Amino acid sequence: MTDKASAVQSVDRAVSVLESLARHGEAGVTEIADELGVHRSTAFRLLGVLENRGLVAQSRDRGKYYLGAGVLRLAGAAAVRLDISQEGVPLCRELADEVGETVNIAVLDGSAAVNIAQARGHASVTTYNWLGRRTPLHATSSGKVLLAHGPAAVRDEVLAGRLERFTERTVTSPQALRQQLAATAERGFATAVEELEIGLNAVAAPVRGHDGAVLGALSTSGPAYRLGEERLPGLADRTVAAARELSRRLGHSG
């Protein structure tokens, strides 16, 4: 078996272990080995890897394994995306209808932003689908919101790395980006003026959960000839209002 095939098989078996524990609640090494049809040593190695990642835990007095807190962490992240997407779609449509432009919701995905909801207004001139697309944090309005309010570790990593240039207006200076992020946090929204694509401007505002933490960013974007820099402040007001309403629906009372 090739190394690649072996790695795929190991992942498949690890997932099978998690599914088995989800069904049975808890199980010992021998029980898991028998269910997977593998040697006891193989099952033990799989459980060891999953335990190191916090996905399974072991009852020391009984020697049984059960699903660990790491699974809850993953499930919680998935639930947050599901909630913000479900609650956000109607608001995206309302805002898109109101301003006639494209409205998106993005969440942090590692060192990038990923769009999980989208609605197009009547004046939208593009049929480009942003859903599922990962975009750079430093060159988009949503990305700047997520950077400004996100984990310090992610912010430090982006600022310490190379800021890729996409257009002549892309911010590639860490100091300049840091200043933009400070302004974003202070005024409650971020803008991107032809920083990712020539002719594309956007404004974004934070979406918060019940505890006040920023879960995502709601953005409005459109062509620069229609969404000039002079129009962005007014558009920001409506985008911020929509983001606050979505935050309220997600349990935020601030």
Protein backbone atom coordinates (compact mmCIF):
# COMPACT_ATOMS: atom_id res chain seq x y z
CA MET A 1 0.00 0.00 0.00
CA THR A 2 1.34 3.45 -0.90
CA ASP A 3 1.95 6.07 1.77
CA LYS A 4 -0.95 8.14 0.41
CA ALA A 5 -3.35 5.21 0.47
CA SER A 6 -2.19 4.29 3.95
CA ALA A 7 -2.81 7.83 5.19
CA VAL A 8 -6.32 7.85 3.71
CA GLN A 9 -7.03 4.50 5.33
CA SER A 10 -5.83 5.81 8.71
CA VAL A 11 -8.12 8.84 8.45
CA ASP A 12 -11.04 6.61 7.51
CA ARG A 13 -10.37 4.37 10.50
CA ALA A 14 -10.04 7.34 12.84
CA VAL A 15 -13.42 8.66 11.70
CA SER A 16 -14.86 5.16 12.19
CA VAL A 17 -13.58 5.21 15.77
CA LEU A 18 -15.37 8.49 16.45
CA GLU A 19 -18.58 7.20 14.87
CA SER A 20 -18.35 4.02 16.95
CA LEU A 21 -17.95 5.97 20.20
CA ALA A 22 -20.84 8.23 19.18
CA ARG A 23 -23.06 5.15 18.81
CA HIS A 24 -21.95 3.25 21.91
CA GLY A 25 -21.06 6.03 24.30
CA GLU A 26 -17.85 4.30 25.36
CA ALA A 27 -15.81 1.30 24.34
CA GLY A 28 -12.54 -0.45 25.09
CA VAL A 29 -9.61 -0.99 22.75
CA THR A 30 -10.58 -4.60 22.03
CA GLU A 31 -14.18 -3.68 21.23
CA ILE A 32 -13.08 -0.95 18.84
CA ALA A 33 -10.53 -3.24 17.19
CA ASP A 34 -13.19 -5.90 16.65
CA GLU A 35 -15.67 -3.42 15.17
CA LEU A 36 -13.07 -1.99 12.79
CA GLY A 37 -11.64 -5.40 11.93
CA VAL A 38 -8.09 -4.37 12.84
CA HIS A 39 -5.40 -5.59 15.22
CA ARG A 40 -5.63 -4.35 18.81
CA SER A 41 -2.34 -2.46 18.42
CA THR A 42 -3.76 -0.55 15.43
CA ALA A 43 -6.84 0.47 17.38
CA PHE A 44 -4.62 1.54 20.29
CA ARG A 45 -2.52 3.77 18.02
CA LEU A 46 -5.63 5.37 16.52
CA LEU A 47 -7.05 6.08 19.94
CA GLY A 48 -3.72 7.52 21.05
CA VAL A 49 -3.70 10.03 18.19
CA LEU A 50 -7.32 11.01 18.80
CA GLU A 51 -6.68 11.36 22.53
CA ASN A 52 -3.69 13.64 21.91
CA ARG A 53 -6.00 15.89 19.86
CA GLY A 54 -8.66 15.88 22.57
CA LEU A 55 -11.18 14.11 20.35
CA VAL A 56 -11.42 11.11 22.67
CA ALA A 57 -10.73 10.67 26.37
CA GLN A 58 -10.17 7.63 28.54
CA SER A 59 -11.78 6.64 31.80
CA ARG A 60 -8.72 5.65 33.80
CA ASP A 61 -10.60 3.46 36.26
CA ARG A 62 -12.44 1.45 33.59
CA GLY A 63 -10.08 1.73 30.64
CA LYS A 64 -12.93 2.72 28.36
CA TYR A 65 -12.74 5.49 25.75
CA TYR A 66 -15.40 8.09 25.04
CA LEU A 67 -15.75 11.22 22.90
CA GLY A 68 -13.64 14.08 24.22
CA ALA A 69 -14.21 17.80 24.59
CA GLY A 70 -12.45 18.41 21.27
CA VAL A 71 -15.48 17.03 19.46
CA LEU A 72 -17.66 19.61 21.21
CA ARG A 73 -15.29 22.34 20.10
CA LEU A 74 -15.59 21.24 16.46
CA ALA A 75 -19.33 20.80 16.74
CA GLY A 76 -19.65 24.24 18.30
CA ALA A 77 -17.74 25.85 15.45
CA ALA A 78 -19.96 24.09 12.92
CA ALA A 79 -23.08 25.16 14.83
CA VAL A 80 -21.94 28.79 14.83
CA ARG A 81 -21.51 28.76 11.06
CA LEU A 82 -24.88 27.11 10.63
CA ASP A 83 -26.62 29.62 12.91
CA ILE A 84 -25.06 32.70 11.36
CA SER A 85 -25.78 31.41 7.85
CA GLN A 86 -29.41 30.50 8.57
CA GLU A 87 -30.19 33.73 10.39
CA GLY A 88 -28.12 35.81 8.02
CA VAL A 89 -29.56 34.82 4.66
CA PRO A 90 -32.86 36.72 5.08
CA LEU A 91 -31.01 39.84 6.25
CA CYS A 92 -28.60 39.59 3.34
CA ARG A 93 -31.55 39.52 0.97
CA GLU A 94 -33.20 42.50 2.66
CA LEU A 95 -30.05 44.60 2.54
CA ALA A 96 -29.26 43.55 -1.03
CA ASP A 97 -32.77 44.55 -2.10
CA GLU A 98 -32.44 47.87 -0.29
CA VAL A 99 -29.07 48.96 -1.67
CA GLY A 100 -29.13 46.99 -4.93
CA GLU A 101 -25.66 45.54 -4.39
CA THR A 102 -24.12 42.21 -3.36
CA VAL A 103 -24.18 41.30 0.33
CA ASN A 104 -22.04 38.57 1.88
CA ILE A 105 -21.36 37.04 5.27
CA ALA A 106 -17.85 35.78 5.92
CA VAL A 107 -16.25 33.95 8.84
CA LEU A 108 -12.66 33.40 9.83
CA ASP A 109 -11.14 30.25 8.36
CA GLY A 110 -7.56 29.92 9.50
CA SER A 111 -5.66 32.86 8.03
CA ALA A 112 -8.36 33.71 5.48
CA ALA A 113 -12.03 34.69 5.32
CA VAL A 114 -14.57 32.33 3.79
CA ASN A 115 -17.97 33.47 2.51
CA ILE A 116 -20.87 31.41 3.84
CA ALA A 117 -23.90 33.43 2.67
CA GLN A 118 -24.63 35.74 -0.27
CA ALA A 119 -27.45 37.74 -1.82
CA ARG A 120 -27.39 39.89 -4.96
CA GLY A 121 -29.27 43.13 -5.38
CA HIS A 122 -31.12 44.30 -8.47
CA ALA A 123 -28.23 46.55 -9.55
CA SER A 124 -25.56 43.88 -9.25
CA VAL A 125 -23.55 43.69 -12.45
CA THR A 126 -21.78 40.42 -11.74
CA THR A 127 -22.94 36.85 -11.48
CA TYR A 128 -19.77 35.82 -9.65
CA ASN A 129 -20.52 33.45 -6.81
CA TRP A 130 -18.50 34.28 -3.68
CA LEU A 131 -19.96 31.41 -1.66
CA GLY A 132 -17.24 29.16 -0.28
CA ARG A 133 -14.49 31.38 -1.66
CA ARG A 134 -11.56 32.05 0.66
CA THR A 135 -10.37 35.64 0.49
CA PRO A 136 -7.31 37.35 2.01
CA LEU A 137 -7.83 39.06 5.33
CA HIS A 138 -5.74 42.15 4.56
CA ALA A 139 -7.32 43.00 1.20
CA THR A 140 -11.06 42.73 1.91
CA SER A 141 -13.45 44.65 4.12
CA SER A 142 -14.71 41.44 5.76
CA GLY A 143 -11.16 40.26 6.32
CA LYS A 144 -10.21 43.50 8.05
CA VAL A 145 -13.21 43.21 10.37
CA LEU A 146 -12.27 39.63 11.24
CA LEU A 147 -8.63 40.61 11.73
CA ALA A 148 -9.49 43.60 13.91
CA HIS A 149 -11.74 41.61 16.22
CA GLY A 150 -10.30 38.11 15.86
CA PRO A 151 -7.66 36.16 17.78
CA ALA A 152 -4.44 38.07 18.44
CA ALA A 153 -2.45 35.08 17.20
CA VAL A 154 -4.05 35.29 13.75
CA ARG A 155 -3.58 39.05 13.62
CA ASP A 156 0.09 38.78 14.62
CA GLU A 157 0.67 36.03 12.04
CA VAL A 158 -0.81 38.11 9.22
CA LEU A 159 1.07 41.25 10.23
CA ALA A 160 4.34 39.34 10.53
CA GLY A 161 3.98 37.66 7.13
CA ARG A 162 4.11 38.89 3.57
CA LEU A 163 1.04 40.91 2.61
CA GLU A 164 0.35 39.90 -0.98
CA ARG A 165 -0.36 42.68 -3.47
CA PHE A 166 -3.45 42.15 -5.63
CA THR A 167 -3.82 45.68 -7.03
CA GLU A 168 -1.98 48.98 -6.75
CA ARG A 169 -4.25 49.86 -3.82
CA THR A 170 -3.66 46.72 -1.77
CA VAL A 171 -2.24 47.55 1.66
CA THR A 172 1.10 45.75 1.89
CA SER A 173 2.62 47.69 4.79
CA PRO A 174 2.11 46.02 8.19
CA GLN A 175 2.15 49.42 9.88
CA ALA A 176 -0.52 50.81 7.56
CA LEU A 177 -2.65 47.69 8.00
CA ARG A 178 -2.31 47.90 11.78
CA GLN A 179 -3.60 51.48 11.62
CA GLN A 180 -6.55 50.40 9.47
CA LEU A 181 -7.41 47.64 11.93
CA ALA A 182 -7.35 50.09 14.83
CA ALA A 183 -9.67 52.41 12.90
CA THR A 184 -11.95 49.47 12.08
CA ALA A 185 -12.28 48.52 15.74
CA GLU A 186 -12.96 52.14 16.73
CA ARG A 187 -15.56 53.11 14.14
CA GLY A 188 -17.28 49.73 13.79
CA PHE A 189 -16.73 49.01 10.11
CA ALA A 190 -14.02 48.46 7.49
CA THR A 191 -13.70 49.43 3.86
CA ALA A 192 -11.78 48.04 0.91
CA VAL A 193 -11.31 50.31 -2.09
CA GLU A 194 -10.13 48.33 -5.11
CA GLU A 195 -7.75 46.38 -2.87
CA LEU A 196 -8.65 42.86 -3.98
CA GLU A 197 -9.88 43.61 -7.50
CA ILE A 198 -9.76 46.73 -9.65
CA GLY A 199 -13.23 48.25 -9.84
CA LEU A 200 -14.55 46.54 -6.67
CA ASN A 201 -15.30 48.44 -3.46
CA ALA A 202 -16.81 47.10 -0.25
CA VAL A 203 -17.72 47.89 3.33
CA ALA A 204 -18.17 45.40 6.19
CA ALA A 205 -19.31 45.35 9.81
CA PRO A 206 -18.90 42.80 12.62
CA VAL A 207 -21.53 40.24 13.54
CA ARG A 208 -21.47 39.32 17.24
CA GLY A 209 -22.74 36.38 19.25
CA HIS A 210 -24.50 36.37 22.60
CA ASP A 211 -21.22 36.90 24.47
CA GLY A 212 -20.14 39.83 22.33
CA ALA A 213 -17.49 37.88 20.45
CA VAL A 214 -17.30 38.59 16.72
CA LEU A 215 -18.53 35.54 14.81
CA GLY A 216 -18.34 36.93 11.30
CA ALA A 217 -18.53 39.97 9.07
CA LEU A 218 -21.40 41.21 6.94
CA SER A 219 -20.30 43.10 3.83
CA THR A 220 -21.81 45.07 0.99
CA SER A 221 -19.84 45.30 -2.25
CA GLY A 222 -20.27 46.70 -5.71
CA PRO A 223 -18.54 48.38 -8.65
CA ALA A 224 -16.35 51.36 -7.86
CA TYR A 225 -18.12 53.57 -10.41
CA ARG A 226 -21.33 53.18 -8.40
CA LEU A 227 -19.90 52.68 -4.91
CA GLY A 228 -17.38 55.49 -4.92
CA GLU A 229 -15.46 56.39 -1.79
CA GLU A 230 -17.89 59.24 -1.12
CA ARG A 231 -20.80 56.78 -0.93
CA LEU A 232 -19.11 54.25 1.37
CA PRO A 233 -19.86 56.04 4.70
CA GLY A 234 -23.59 56.05 3.99
CA LEU A 235 -23.47 52.44 2.87
CA ALA A 236 -21.53 51.64 6.03
CA ASP A 237 -24.41 52.93 8.17
CA ARG A 238 -26.85 50.51 6.54
CA THR A 239 -24.37 47.64 6.64
CA VAL A 240 -23.65 48.25 10.33
CA ALA A 241 -27.39 48.35 11.05
CA ALA A 242 -27.92 45.01 9.29
CA ALA A 243 -24.97 43.47 11.13
CA ARG A 244 -26.36 44.67 14.45
CA GLU A 245 -29.75 43.17 13.65
CA LEU A 246 -28.12 39.85 12.79
CA SER A 247 -26.16 40.05 16.03
CA ARG A 248 -29.40 40.64 17.93
CA ARG A 249 -30.96 37.57 16.31
CA LEU A 250 -27.90 35.57 17.41
CA GLY A 251 -28.44 36.60 21.02
CA HIS A 252 -26.28 39.70 21.33
CA SER A 253 -27.92 42.41 23.43
CA GLY A 254 -25.23 45.11 23.22
